[in-house]
Amino acid sequence: MRTITVSVFAIVASVMVPASAVAQMTWTDKGYVSVSVGAQAGSHTLTTAPAFRLYDEDGSLTTSQKAGGGGFFDLSGGYKVWRNNLLVAVGVSHSGSSKDIAITAQVPDPLEFDRLRSVNASLPGASHSENAVHFSAVWMVPVTDKIDVGISAGPSVFMLKQDLATGLAISEPGPTVTGVVSAKSKKTTGGINLGVDVTYLLTKNKKIGAGVLARYTGGSVKFPGATKSLTVGGFQFGVGVRYRFR
């Protein structure tokens, strides 16, 4: 996370040089709408150790899976509120991925107490979904009459859905794993967003353009049975359409 955050600050710093040179320029539009698609980096390992009981005896169950990363979609809009260049903005984004869950368990014996037996299993295609709402203050820097740069920061709210392995179906003799018991956990948590959006206006009326978005979003959440909190969000890079209104 620290490396990603430093990268975003480096991007912001790089655009501040032309920003100082054009500080006297005013962003003349009233607001914008943007649509972006791209990829989110920042996959993290989620490890869980849920309670596992069989034959009236405690066993153990440990799972490991990658969560996060994948493609993302973002829809955002902003409106100018102060000193010609400052906007308030809100955006919604979605990212998600599907990864296998690796499972290691110690299974009780049906006839002999305190005789645990090792088994391995997997749950394929476990899904991780991140829906987020981003609130931002945006400073618009008009670099030329066709290019402007938006520098943004603010809080985010993440709404997460995560597939978790919670148990095993066992047949004897063996033991033989005949199935994996799973559940979908839903969590909401807060975080931050920091970003830079560069727009090139394509039309004569300077209302429609193409844009490039580089943004970091981050937060953390604790899922049931998890051994530690999972980092959510990540570094996002996308391209899309920009519309200016006056």
C-alpha atoms as a PDB file:
ATOM      1  CA  MET A   1       0.000   0.000   0.000  1.00  0.00           C
ATOM      2  CA  ARG A   2       2.822   2.408   0.872  1.00  0.00           C
ATOM      3  CA  THR A   3       4.429   1.965  -2.564  1.00  0.00           C
ATOM      4  CA  ILE A   4       1.124   2.618  -4.338  1.00  0.00           C
ATOM      5  CA  THR A   5       0.425   5.707  -2.246  1.00  0.00           C
ATOM      6  CA  VAL A   6       3.878   7.120  -2.993  1.00  0.00           C
ATOM      7  CA  SER A   7       3.274   6.508  -6.704  1.00  0.00           C
ATOM      8  CA  VAL A   8       0.058   8.506  -6.637  1.00  0.00           C
ATOM      9  CA  PHE A   9       1.713  11.387  -4.811  1.00  0.00           C
ATOM     10  CA  ALA A  10       4.479  11.338  -7.435  1.00  0.00           C
ATOM     11  CA  ILE A  11       1.857  11.694 -10.167  1.00  0.00           C
ATOM     12  CA  VAL A  12       0.241  14.592  -8.334  1.00  0.00           C
ATOM     13  CA  ALA A  13       3.602  16.286  -7.865  1.00  0.00           C
ATOM     14  CA  SER A  14       4.388  15.925 -11.566  1.00  0.00           C
ATOM     15  CA  VAL A  15       1.306  17.870 -12.578  1.00  0.00           C
ATOM     16  CA  MET A  16       1.889  20.626 -10.030  1.00  0.00           C
ATOM     17  CA  VAL A  17       4.731  22.053 -12.110  1.00  0.00           C
ATOM     18  CA  PRO A  18       2.522  23.052 -15.057  1.00  0.00           C
ATOM     19  CA  ALA A  19      -0.200  23.966 -12.546  1.00  0.00           C
ATOM     20  CA  SER A  20       1.969  26.687 -11.005  1.00  0.00           C
ATOM     21  CA  ALA A  21       2.704  28.086 -14.447  1.00  0.00           C
ATOM     22  CA  VAL A  22      -0.984  28.442 -15.253  1.00  0.00           C
ATOM     23  CA  ALA A  23      -2.244  29.360 -11.782  1.00  0.00           C
ATOM     24  CA  GLN A  24      -3.834  32.510 -13.200  1.00  0.00           C
ATOM     25  CA  MET A  25      -5.966  30.496 -15.644  1.00  0.00           C
ATOM     26  CA  THR A  26      -9.581  29.776 -14.756  1.00  0.00           C
ATOM     27  CA  TRP A  27     -11.455  26.574 -15.477  1.00  0.00           C
ATOM     28  CA  THR A  28     -14.415  28.061 -17.323  1.00  0.00           C
ATOM     29  CA  ASP A  29     -16.857  25.135 -17.310  1.00  0.00           C
ATOM     30  CA  LYS A  30     -19.369  24.492 -14.531  1.00  0.00           C
ATOM     31  CA  GLY A  31     -18.911  20.778 -14.160  1.00  0.00           C
ATOM     32  CA  TYR A  32     -18.176  17.425 -15.724  1.00  0.00           C
ATOM     33  CA  VAL A  33     -19.282  13.821 -16.062  1.00  0.00           C
ATOM     34  CA  SER A  34     -16.754  11.039 -16.649  1.00  0.00           C
ATOM     35  CA  VAL A  35     -16.970   7.352 -17.484  1.00  0.00           C
ATOM     36  CA  SER A  36     -13.838   5.192 -17.186  1.00  0.00           C
ATOM     37  CA  VAL A  37     -12.954   1.528 -17.562  1.00  0.00           C
ATOM     38  CA  GLY A  38      -9.638  -0.066 -16.696  1.00  0.00           C
ATOM     39  CA  ALA A  39      -7.819  -2.273 -14.219  1.00  0.00           C
ATOM     40  CA  GLN A  40      -7.224  -2.240 -10.475  1.00  0.00           C
ATOM     41  CA  ALA A  41      -3.962  -3.550  -9.060  1.00  0.00           C
ATOM     42  CA  GLY A  42      -3.499  -4.565  -5.443  1.00  0.00           C
ATOM     43  CA  SER A  43      -4.487  -8.204  -4.898  1.00  0.00           C
ATOM     44  CA  HIS A  44      -4.048  -9.284  -1.263  1.00  0.00           C
ATOM     45  CA  THR A  45      -4.111 -12.616   0.564  1.00  0.00           C
ATOM     46  CA  LEU A  46      -7.120 -13.373   2.763  1.00  0.00           C
ATOM     47  CA  THR A  47      -6.492 -16.105   5.345  1.00  0.00           C
ATOM     48  CA  THR A  48      -9.289 -17.482   7.510  1.00  0.00           C
ATOM     49  CA  ALA A  49      -9.530 -20.034  10.313  1.00  0.00           C
ATOM     50  CA  PRO A  50     -13.254 -20.615  10.882  1.00  0.00           C
ATOM     51  CA  ALA A  51     -14.579 -22.913  13.598  1.00  0.00           C
ATOM     52  CA  PHE A  52     -14.860 -26.506  12.336  1.00  0.00           C
ATOM     53  CA  ARG A  53     -16.586 -29.259  14.316  1.00  0.00           C
ATOM     54  CA  LEU A  54     -17.281 -32.852  13.249  1.00  0.00           C
ATOM     55  CA  TYR A  55     -18.364 -35.972  15.145  1.00  0.00           C
ATOM     56  CA  ASP A  56     -18.842 -33.829  18.281  1.00  0.00           C
ATOM     57  CA  GLU A  57     -15.157 -32.903  18.238  1.00  0.00           C
ATOM     58  CA  ASP A  58     -13.278 -29.754  17.226  1.00  0.00           C
ATOM     59  CA  GLY A  59     -11.122 -29.947  14.128  1.00  0.00           C
ATOM     60  CA  SER A  60      -9.300 -27.163  12.355  1.00  0.00           C
ATOM     61  CA  LEU A  61      -9.814 -25.459   9.022  1.00  0.00           C
ATOM     62  CA  THR A  62      -7.480 -22.946   7.371  1.00  0.00           C
ATOM     63  CA  THR A  63      -8.157 -21.223   4.059  1.00  0.00           C
ATOM     64  CA  SER A  64      -6.072 -18.946   1.851  1.00  0.00           C
ATOM     65  CA  GLN A  65      -7.185 -16.934  -1.165  1.00  0.00           C
ATOM     66  CA  LYS A  66      -6.247 -13.912  -3.231  1.00  0.00           C
ATOM     67  CA  ALA A  67      -8.776 -11.083  -3.077  1.00  0.00           C
ATOM     68  CA  GLY A  68      -8.883  -7.815  -4.992  1.00  0.00           C
ATOM     69  CA  GLY A  69      -7.511  -6.626  -8.289  1.00  0.00           C
ATOM     70  CA  GLY A  70      -9.212  -7.187 -11.633  1.00  0.00           C
ATOM     71  CA  GLY A  71     -11.124  -4.897 -13.957  1.00  0.00           C
ATOM     72  CA  PHE A  72     -12.946  -1.790 -12.781  1.00  0.00           C
ATOM     73  CA  PHE A  73     -15.661   0.617 -13.933  1.00  0.00           C
ATOM     74  CA  ASP A  74     -16.130   4.188 -12.696  1.00  0.00           C
ATOM     75  CA  LEU A  75     -18.852   6.813 -13.178  1.00  0.00           C
ATOM     76  CA  SER A  76     -18.158  10.240 -11.668  1.00  0.00           C
ATOM     77  CA  GLY A  77     -19.433  13.791 -11.768  1.00  0.00           C
ATOM     78  CA  GLY A  78     -18.316  17.130 -10.339  1.00  0.00           C
ATOM     79  CA  TYR A  79     -19.610  20.700  -9.989  1.00  0.00           C
ATOM     80  CA  LYS A  80     -17.642  23.925  -9.505  1.00  0.00           C
ATOM     81  CA  VAL A  81     -18.216  25.535  -6.122  1.00  0.00           C
ATOM     82  CA  TRP A  82     -15.427  27.965  -5.245  1.00  0.00           C
ATOM     83  CA  ARG A  83     -12.686  30.212  -6.728  1.00  0.00           C
ATOM     84  CA  ASN A  84     -13.288  29.121 -10.296  1.00  0.00           C
ATOM     85  CA  ASN A  85     -11.175  25.963 -10.145  1.00  0.00           C
ATOM     86  CA  LEU A  86     -12.466  24.012  -7.124  1.00  0.00           C
ATOM     87  CA  LEU A  87     -15.152  21.362  -7.600  1.00  0.00           C
ATOM     88  CA  VAL A  88     -16.932  18.879  -5.380  1.00  0.00           C
ATOM     89  CA  ALA A  89     -17.368  15.454  -6.949  1.00  0.00           C
ATOM     90  CA  VAL A  90     -18.931  12.093  -6.270  1.00  0.00           C
ATOM     91  CA  GLY A  91     -18.284   8.848  -8.090  1.00  0.00           C
ATOM     92  CA  VAL A  92     -19.262   5.202  -7.972  1.00  0.00           C
ATOM     93  CA  SER A  93     -16.954   2.394  -8.979  1.00  0.00           C
ATOM     94  CA  HIS A  94     -16.996  -1.387  -9.204  1.00  0.00           C
ATOM     95  CA  SER A  95     -14.200  -3.911  -9.330  1.00  0.00           C
ATOM     96  CA  GLY A  96     -14.142  -7.638  -8.832  1.00  0.00           C
ATOM     97  CA  SER A  97     -12.300 -10.880  -9.348  1.00  0.00           C
ATOM     98  CA  SER A  98     -12.667 -14.658  -8.941  1.00  0.00           C
ATOM     99  CA  LYS A  99      -9.928 -16.772  -7.362  1.00  0.00           C
ATOM    100  CA  ASP A 100      -9.665 -20.323  -5.992  1.00  0.00           C
ATOM    101  CA  ILE A 101      -9.585 -20.898  -2.226  1.00  0.00           C
ATOM    102  CA  ALA A 102      -6.945 -23.354  -0.958  1.00  0.00           C
ATOM    103  CA  ILE A 103      -8.123 -25.314   2.109  1.00  0.00           C
ATOM    104  CA  THR A 104      -6.168 -27.325   4.687  1.00  0.00           C
ATOM    105  CA  ALA A 105      -8.027 -29.135   7.458  1.00  0.00           C
ATOM    106  CA  GLN A 106      -7.540 -31.456  10.406  1.00  0.00           C
ATOM    107  CA  VAL A 107     -10.562 -33.780  10.497  1.00  0.00           C
ATOM    108  CA  PRO A 108     -11.667 -35.721  13.622  1.00  0.00           C
ATOM    109  CA  ASP A 109     -12.047 -39.497  13.486  1.00  0.00           C
ATOM    110  CA  PRO A 110     -15.597 -40.890  13.858  1.00  0.00           C
ATOM    111  CA  LEU A 111     -14.451 -43.749  16.143  1.00  0.00           C
ATOM    112  CA  GLU A 112     -11.349 -42.535  17.989  1.00  0.00           C
ATOM    113  CA  PHE A 113     -11.217 -39.264  19.943  1.00  0.00           C
ATOM    114  CA  ASP A 114      -8.259 -36.888  19.481  1.00  0.00           C
ATOM    115  CA  ARG A 115      -7.128 -38.562  16.262  1.00  0.00           C
ATOM    116  CA  LEU A 116      -7.064 -35.757  13.700  1.00  0.00           C
ATOM    117  CA  ARG A 117      -6.422 -36.538  10.050  1.00  0.00           C
ATOM    118  CA  SER A 118      -5.082 -34.087   7.431  1.00  0.00           C
ATOM    119  CA  VAL A 119      -7.008 -33.324   4.250  1.00  0.00           C
ATOM    120  CA  ASN A 120      -6.665 -30.738   1.485  1.00  0.00           C
ATOM    121  CA  ALA A 121      -9.378 -29.282  -0.703  1.00  0.00           C
ATOM    122  CA  SER A 122     -10.207 -26.216  -2.787  1.00  0.00           C
ATOM    123  CA  LEU A 123     -13.160 -24.020  -3.646  1.00  0.00           C
ATOM    124  CA  PRO A 124     -12.818 -22.821  -7.252  1.00  0.00           C
ATOM    125  CA  GLY A 125     -13.954 -19.430  -8.490  1.00  0.00           C
ATOM    126  CA  ALA A 126     -14.618 -17.704  -5.162  1.00  0.00           C
ATOM    127  CA  SER A 127     -15.734 -14.161  -5.940  1.00  0.00           C
ATOM    128  CA  HIS A 128     -14.586 -10.839  -4.479  1.00  0.00           C
ATOM    129  CA  SER A 129     -16.649  -7.738  -5.275  1.00  0.00           C
ATOM    130  CA  GLU A 130     -15.950  -4.108  -4.364  1.00  0.00           C
ATOM    131  CA  ASN A 131     -18.555  -1.399  -4.901  1.00  0.00           C
ATOM    132  CA  ALA A 132     -17.419   2.016  -3.721  1.00  0.00           C
ATOM    133  CA  VAL A 133     -18.681   5.577  -3.451  1.00  0.00           C
ATOM    134  CA  HIS A 134     -15.955   8.241  -3.661  1.00  0.00           C
ATOM    135  CA  PHE A 135     -16.430  11.791  -2.376  1.00  0.00           C
ATOM    136  CA  SER A 136     -13.742  14.218  -3.560  1.00  0.00           C
ATOM    137  CA  ALA A 137     -12.575  17.771  -3.705  1.00  0.00           C
ATOM    138  CA  VAL A 138     -11.178  18.370  -7.207  1.00  0.00           C
ATOM    139  CA  TRP A 139      -8.835  21.178  -8.264  1.00  0.00           C
ATOM    140  CA  MET A 140      -9.027  21.659 -12.040  1.00  0.00           C
ATOM    141  CA  VAL A 141      -5.868  22.890 -13.772  1.00  0.00           C
ATOM    142  CA  PRO A 142      -6.352  24.134 -17.390  1.00  0.00           C
ATOM    143  CA  VAL A 143      -3.002  23.349 -19.019  1.00  0.00           C
ATOM    144  CA  THR A 144      -4.083  24.474 -22.520  1.00  0.00           C
ATOM    145  CA  ASP A 145      -7.425  25.335 -24.119  1.00  0.00           C
ATOM    146  CA  LYS A 146      -7.896  21.604 -24.867  1.00  0.00           C
ATOM    147  CA  ILE A 147      -6.133  19.891 -21.952  1.00  0.00           C
ATOM    148  CA  ASP A 148      -6.977  20.082 -18.284  1.00  0.00           C
ATOM    149  CA  VAL A 149      -5.892  18.119 -15.227  1.00  0.00           C
ATOM    150  CA  GLY A 150      -8.067  17.315 -12.220  1.00  0.00           C
ATOM    151  CA  ILE A 151      -6.313  16.603  -8.908  1.00  0.00           C
ATOM    152  CA  SER A 152      -8.645  14.957  -6.395  1.00  0.00           C
ATOM    153  CA  ALA A 153      -8.733  13.656  -2.841  1.00  0.00           C
ATOM    154  CA  GLY A 154     -11.375  12.642  -0.339  1.00  0.00           C
ATOM    155  CA  PRO A 155     -13.083   9.845   1.612  1.00  0.00           C
ATOM    156  CA  SER A 156     -14.514   6.639   0.163  1.00  0.00           C
ATOM    157  CA  VAL A 157     -17.106   4.112   1.321  1.00  0.00           C
ATOM    158  CA  PHE A 158     -16.529   0.483   0.257  1.00  0.00           C
ATOM    159  CA  MET A 159     -19.342  -2.097   0.067  1.00  0.00           C
ATOM    160  CA  LEU A 160     -17.801  -5.561  -0.181  1.00  0.00           C
ATOM    161  CA  LYS A 161     -18.998  -9.071  -0.973  1.00  0.00           C
ATOM    162  CA  GLN A 162     -16.650 -12.002  -0.390  1.00  0.00           C
ATOM    163  CA  ASP A 163     -17.070 -15.770  -0.836  1.00  0.00           C
ATOM    164  CA  LEU A 164     -15.644 -17.658   2.161  1.00  0.00           C
ATOM    165  CA  ALA A 165     -15.087 -21.371   2.781  1.00  0.00           C
ATOM    166  CA  THR A 166     -16.654 -22.207   6.156  1.00  0.00           C
ATOM    167  CA  GLY A 167     -16.619 -26.019   6.342  1.00  0.00           C
ATOM    168  CA  LEU A 168     -16.211 -29.383   4.637  1.00  0.00           C
ATOM    169  CA  ALA A 169     -18.519 -32.273   3.819  1.00  0.00           C
ATOM    170  CA  ILE A 170     -16.712 -35.528   4.688  1.00  0.00           C
ATOM    171  CA  SER A 171     -17.430 -39.160   3.858  1.00  0.00           C
ATOM    172  CA  GLU A 172     -15.887 -42.230   5.509  1.00  0.00           C
ATOM    173  CA  PRO A 173     -13.745 -44.218   5.314  1.00  0.00           C
ATOM    174  CA  GLY A 174     -11.020 -41.851   4.312  1.00  0.00           C
ATOM    175  CA  PRO A 175     -11.663 -39.154   5.140  1.00  0.00           C
ATOM    176  CA  THR A 176     -12.838 -38.091   1.675  1.00  0.00           C
ATOM    177  CA  VAL A 177     -13.873 -34.505   0.976  1.00  0.00           C
ATOM    178  CA  THR A 178     -17.182 -34.578  -0.903  1.00  0.00           C
ATOM    179  CA  GLY A 179     -17.882 -30.854  -0.835  1.00  0.00           C
ATOM    180  CA  VAL A 180     -16.974 -27.446   0.508  1.00  0.00           C
ATOM    181  CA  VAL A 181     -19.434 -25.425   2.563  1.00  0.00           C
ATOM    182  CA  SER A 182     -19.294 -21.740   1.617  1.00  0.00           C
ATOM    183  CA  ALA A 183     -20.962 -18.478   2.556  1.00  0.00           C
ATOM    184  CA  LYS A 184     -21.044 -14.961   1.127  1.00  0.00           C
ATOM    185  CA  SER A 185     -20.027 -12.258   3.585  1.00  0.00           C
ATOM    186  CA  LYS A 186     -21.025  -8.599   3.146  1.00  0.00           C
ATOM    187  CA  LYS A 187     -19.132  -5.744   4.795  1.00  0.00           C
ATOM    188  CA  THR A 188     -19.018  -1.937   4.589  1.00  0.00           C
ATOM    189  CA  THR A 189     -15.943   0.094   5.488  1.00  0.00           C
ATOM    190  CA  GLY A 190     -14.440   3.531   4.995  1.00  0.00           C
ATOM    191  CA  GLY A 191     -11.257   4.597   3.226  1.00  0.00           C
ATOM    192  CA  ILE A 192      -9.638   7.266   1.069  1.00  0.00           C
ATOM    193  CA  ASN A 193      -9.125   8.174  -2.574  1.00  0.00           C
ATOM    194  CA  LEU A 194      -6.343  10.176  -4.248  1.00  0.00           C
ATOM    195  CA  GLY A 195      -6.271  10.693  -7.985  1.00  0.00           C
ATOM    196  CA  VAL A 196      -5.265  12.530 -11.131  1.00  0.00           C
ATOM    197  CA  ASP A 197      -7.461  12.759 -14.242  1.00  0.00           C
ATOM    198  CA  VAL A 198      -6.130  14.190 -17.517  1.00  0.00           C
ATOM    199  CA  THR A 199      -8.653  15.212 -20.197  1.00  0.00           C
ATOM    200  CA  TYR A 200      -8.096  16.081 -23.859  1.00  0.00           C
ATOM    201  CA  LEU A 201     -11.106  17.809 -25.451  1.00  0.00           C
ATOM    202  CA  LEU A 202     -11.890  16.463 -28.921  1.00  0.00           C
ATOM    203  CA  THR A 203     -14.846  18.467 -30.216  1.00  0.00           C
ATOM    204  CA  LYS A 204     -15.000  22.050 -31.502  1.00  0.00           C
ATOM    205  CA  ASN A 205     -17.365  23.097 -28.724  1.00  0.00           C
ATOM    206  CA  LYS A 206     -14.883  21.657 -26.184  1.00  0.00           C
ATOM    207  CA  LYS A 207     -17.506  19.630 -24.393  1.00  0.00           C
ATOM    208  CA  ILE A 208     -16.542  16.049 -25.199  1.00  0.00           C
ATOM    209  CA  GLY A 209     -13.114  14.568 -24.668  1.00  0.00           C
ATOM    210  CA  ALA A 210     -11.039  11.520 -23.842  1.00  0.00           C
ATOM    211  CA  GLY A 211      -9.489  11.057 -20.444  1.00  0.00           C
ATOM    212  CA  VAL A 212      -6.930   9.052 -18.500  1.00  0.00           C
ATOM    213  CA  LEU A 213      -7.493   8.318 -14.790  1.00  0.00           C
ATOM    214  CA  ALA A 214      -4.814   7.305 -12.275  1.00  0.00           C
ATOM    215  CA  ARG A 215      -6.196   6.859  -8.756  1.00  0.00           C
ATOM    216  CA  TYR A 216      -5.434   5.165  -5.476  1.00  0.00           C
ATOM    217  CA  THR A 217      -8.286   3.977  -3.258  1.00  0.00           C
ATOM    218  CA  GLY A 218      -7.699   2.202   0.014  1.00  0.00           C
ATOM    219  CA  GLY A 219      -9.338   0.837   3.146  1.00  0.00           C
ATOM    220  CA  SER A 220      -9.380  -2.297   5.295  1.00  0.00           C
ATOM    221  CA  VAL A 221     -12.029  -4.712   6.537  1.00  0.00           C
ATOM    222  CA  LYS A 222     -12.215  -7.775   8.814  1.00  0.00           C
ATOM    223  CA  PHE A 223     -14.223 -10.699   7.471  1.00  0.00           C
ATOM    224  CA  PRO A 224     -15.658 -13.419   9.749  1.00  0.00           C
ATOM    225  CA  GLY A 225     -13.008 -15.952  10.700  1.00  0.00           C
ATOM    226  CA  ALA A 226     -10.184 -13.940   9.110  1.00  0.00           C
ATOM    227  CA  THR A 227      -6.833 -13.972  10.874  1.00  0.00           C
ATOM    228  CA  LYS A 228      -6.235 -10.285  10.014  1.00  0.00           C
ATOM    229  CA  SER A 229      -7.867  -7.371   8.212  1.00  0.00           C
ATOM    230  CA  LEU A 230      -7.941  -7.391   4.419  1.00  0.00           C
ATOM    231  CA  THR A 231      -6.730  -4.348   2.493  1.00  0.00           C
ATOM    232  CA  VAL A 232      -9.321  -3.290  -0.089  1.00  0.00           C
ATOM    233  CA  GLY A 233      -9.084  -0.946  -3.058  1.00  0.00           C
ATOM    234  CA  GLY A 234      -5.781  -0.404  -4.830  1.00  0.00           C
ATOM    235  CA  PHE A 235      -4.162   1.538  -7.642  1.00  0.00           C
ATOM    236  CA  GLN A 236      -6.594   2.091 -10.519  1.00  0.00           C
ATOM    237  CA  PHE A 237      -5.713   3.037 -14.087  1.00  0.00           C
ATOM    238  CA  GLY A 238      -8.457   3.695 -16.626  1.00  0.00           C
ATOM    239  CA  VAL A 239      -9.422   5.473 -19.816  1.00  0.00           C
ATOM    240  CA  GLY A 240     -12.778   6.789 -20.932  1.00  0.00           C
ATOM    241  CA  VAL A 241     -15.089   9.585 -22.056  1.00  0.00           C
ATOM    242  CA  ARG A 242     -15.327  13.051 -20.478  1.00  0.00           C
ATOM    243  CA  TYR A 243     -18.176  15.545 -20.876  1.00  0.00           C
ATOM    244  CA  ARG A 244     -18.061  19.222 -19.810  1.00  0.00           C
ATOM    245  CA  PHE A 245     -21.178  21.313 -19.179  1.00  0.00           C
ATOM    246  CA  ARG A 246     -21.439  25.072 -18.864  1.00  0.00           C
END
